[in-house]
Each structure stands twice: as structure tokens, then as C-alpha cells.
Protein backbone atom coordinates (compact mmCIF):
# COMPACT_ATOMS: atom_id res chain seq x y z
CA UNK A 1 0.22 0.02 0.15
CA UNK A 2 1.22 3.47 -0.94
CA UNK A 3 1.60 5.80 1.75
CA UNK A 4 -0.87 8.78 1.70
CA UNK A 5 0.61 12.13 -0.31
CA UNK A 6 1.49 14.93 1.93
CA UNK A 7 -0.89 17.45 2.20
CA UNK A 8 -0.12 21.59 2.34
CA UNK A 9 -3.01 22.28 4.64
CA UNK A 10 -5.30 21.32 7.51
CA UNK A 11 -8.18 21.96 5.94
CA UNK A 12 -10.18 18.68 6.25
CA UNK A 13 -11.24 18.28 2.97
CA UNK A 14 -7.87 18.60 1.29
CA UNK A 15 -7.08 14.77 4.32
CA UNK A 16 -10.22 13.71 2.60
CA UNK A 17 -9.41 14.42 -0.85
CA UNK A 18 -5.26 12.63 -0.22
CA UNK A 19 -7.06 9.38 0.92
CA UNK A 20 -9.10 9.26 -1.89
CA UNK A 21 -8.02 10.45 -5.02
CA UNK A 22 -5.03 9.18 -6.61
CA UNK A 23 -1.34 10.35 -6.30
CA UNK A 24 -1.44 11.68 -9.85
CA UNK A 25 -4.99 13.06 -9.39
CA UNK A 26 -4.19 14.64 -6.02
CA UNK A 27 -1.26 16.47 -6.91
CA UNK A 28 -3.68 17.82 -9.91
CA UNK A 29 -5.42 19.47 -6.74
CA UNK A 30 -2.29 20.81 -5.19
CA UNK A 31 -0.98 22.52 -8.38
CA UNK A 32 -4.95 24.24 -8.86
CA UNK A 33 -4.82 25.32 -5.08
CA UNK A 34 -1.33 26.72 -4.79
CA UNK A 35 -1.74 28.02 -7.79
CA UNK A 36 -5.84 29.43 -7.47
CA UNK A 37 -4.40 30.93 -3.59
CA UNK A 38 -2.21 33.16 -5.12
CA UNK A 39 -4.86 36.15 -6.54
CA UNK A 40 -6.26 38.95 -4.75
CA UNK A 41 -8.93 40.94 -5.64
CA UNK A 42 -9.61 44.56 -5.55
CA UNK A 43 -12.95 45.71 -4.95
CA UNK A 44 -12.94 48.60 -8.27
CA UNK A 45 -17.44 49.26 -6.48
CA UNK A 46 -20.63 47.16 -6.55
CA UNK A 47 -20.15 44.27 -8.39
CA UNK A 48 -16.59 44.85 -9.96
CA UNK A 49 -13.43 43.34 -8.85
CA UNK A 50 -9.84 42.90 -10.02
CA UNK A 51 -8.14 39.63 -9.25
CA UNK A 52 -4.39 40.52 -9.65
CA UNK A 53 -1.29 38.00 -8.95
CA UNK A 54 0.06 37.94 -6.35
CA UNK A 55 3.06 36.36 -4.83
CA UNK A 56 6.90 37.15 -5.04
CA UNK A 57 9.17 34.85 -8.04
CA UNK A 58 9.16 33.72 -11.23
CA UNK A 59 6.69 35.06 -13.10
CA UNK A 60 4.61 33.72 -16.23
CA UNK A 61 1.99 35.37 -18.36
CA UNK A 62 -0.77 35.57 -16.30
CA UNK A 63 1.26 36.85 -13.36
CA UNK A 64 1.50 40.29 -15.23
CA UNK A 65 -2.63 40.99 -15.78
CA UNK A 66 -5.19 41.83 -14.03
CA UNK A 67 -8.05 40.37 -14.48
CA UNK A 68 -12.22 41.63 -14.48
CA UNK A 69 -14.37 40.71 -12.05
CA UNK A 70 -17.81 41.65 -12.89
CA UNK A 71 -20.65 40.06 -10.24
CA UNK A 72 -24.76 39.32 -9.48
CA UNK A 73 -24.22 38.44 -5.83
CA UNK A 74 -28.31 38.94 -5.48
CA UNK A 75 -28.18 35.53 -8.05
CA UNK A 76 -24.01 34.00 -7.39
CA UNK A 77 -23.26 34.72 -10.63
CA UNK A 78 -19.57 35.58 -10.95
CA UNK A 79 -17.65 35.84 -14.74
CA UNK A 80 -14.29 36.76 -14.52
CA UNK A 81 -12.21 37.75 -18.36
CA UNK A 82 -9.81 34.65 -17.83
CA UNK A 83 -13.07 32.51 -18.45
CA UNK A 84 -11.28 29.53 -16.65
CA UNK A 85 -14.27 28.53 -15.03
CA UNK A 86 -16.14 28.24 -18.20
CA UNK A 87 -12.79 26.34 -20.01
CA UNK A 88 -11.42 24.28 -17.07
CA UNK A 89 -14.45 24.43 -14.51
CA UNK A 90 -11.52 25.24 -11.66
CA UNK A 91 -11.80 29.18 -10.41
């Protein structure tokens, strides 16, 4: 039996995923988690935000860009110009 992969947070969800996902799938999850939490949001005005890369380190094409996010908080509808959600289903 293989050892469980190392987790990067203390969140119960991550511990559960480390038990049920294969190592390859769990590593994809970890990469997506680290990448997805590397961005900061700045409120521009009601229903409008800018999302910017907020970590030091190597730069890549997306780290040099501010993404506009428009939301309807009442309907819980969020749209980002990067189209990541529509393309991959990942935030």
C-alpha cells in the first residue's frame, strides 16, 4: 500500500482528498489550489473587481495581468475575463 501524499493545509477537505484521490489526481488538485490561492482581489466598485497575482517568484504571462471580474451577488453569478471557469470548471 502506498503512503498518502503530503498535504499542504490543515483543511479536512484536503485530508479527505488525499485519501480518496490517486496520487496523480491529488497532485493536480494541489497545483490548482496553490495556483488559485496565489491571486488577490481588489474591489473596484459595486459588483466589479480586479484579480491580480499576489506572490513573489517566477513570473508567467498571467502574473503580469489584472483580470476584470463582474458579479451579480444576488444571483451569485461571477464572470471573469480569463474564462477559466467556463473553460476548465476550476476557479
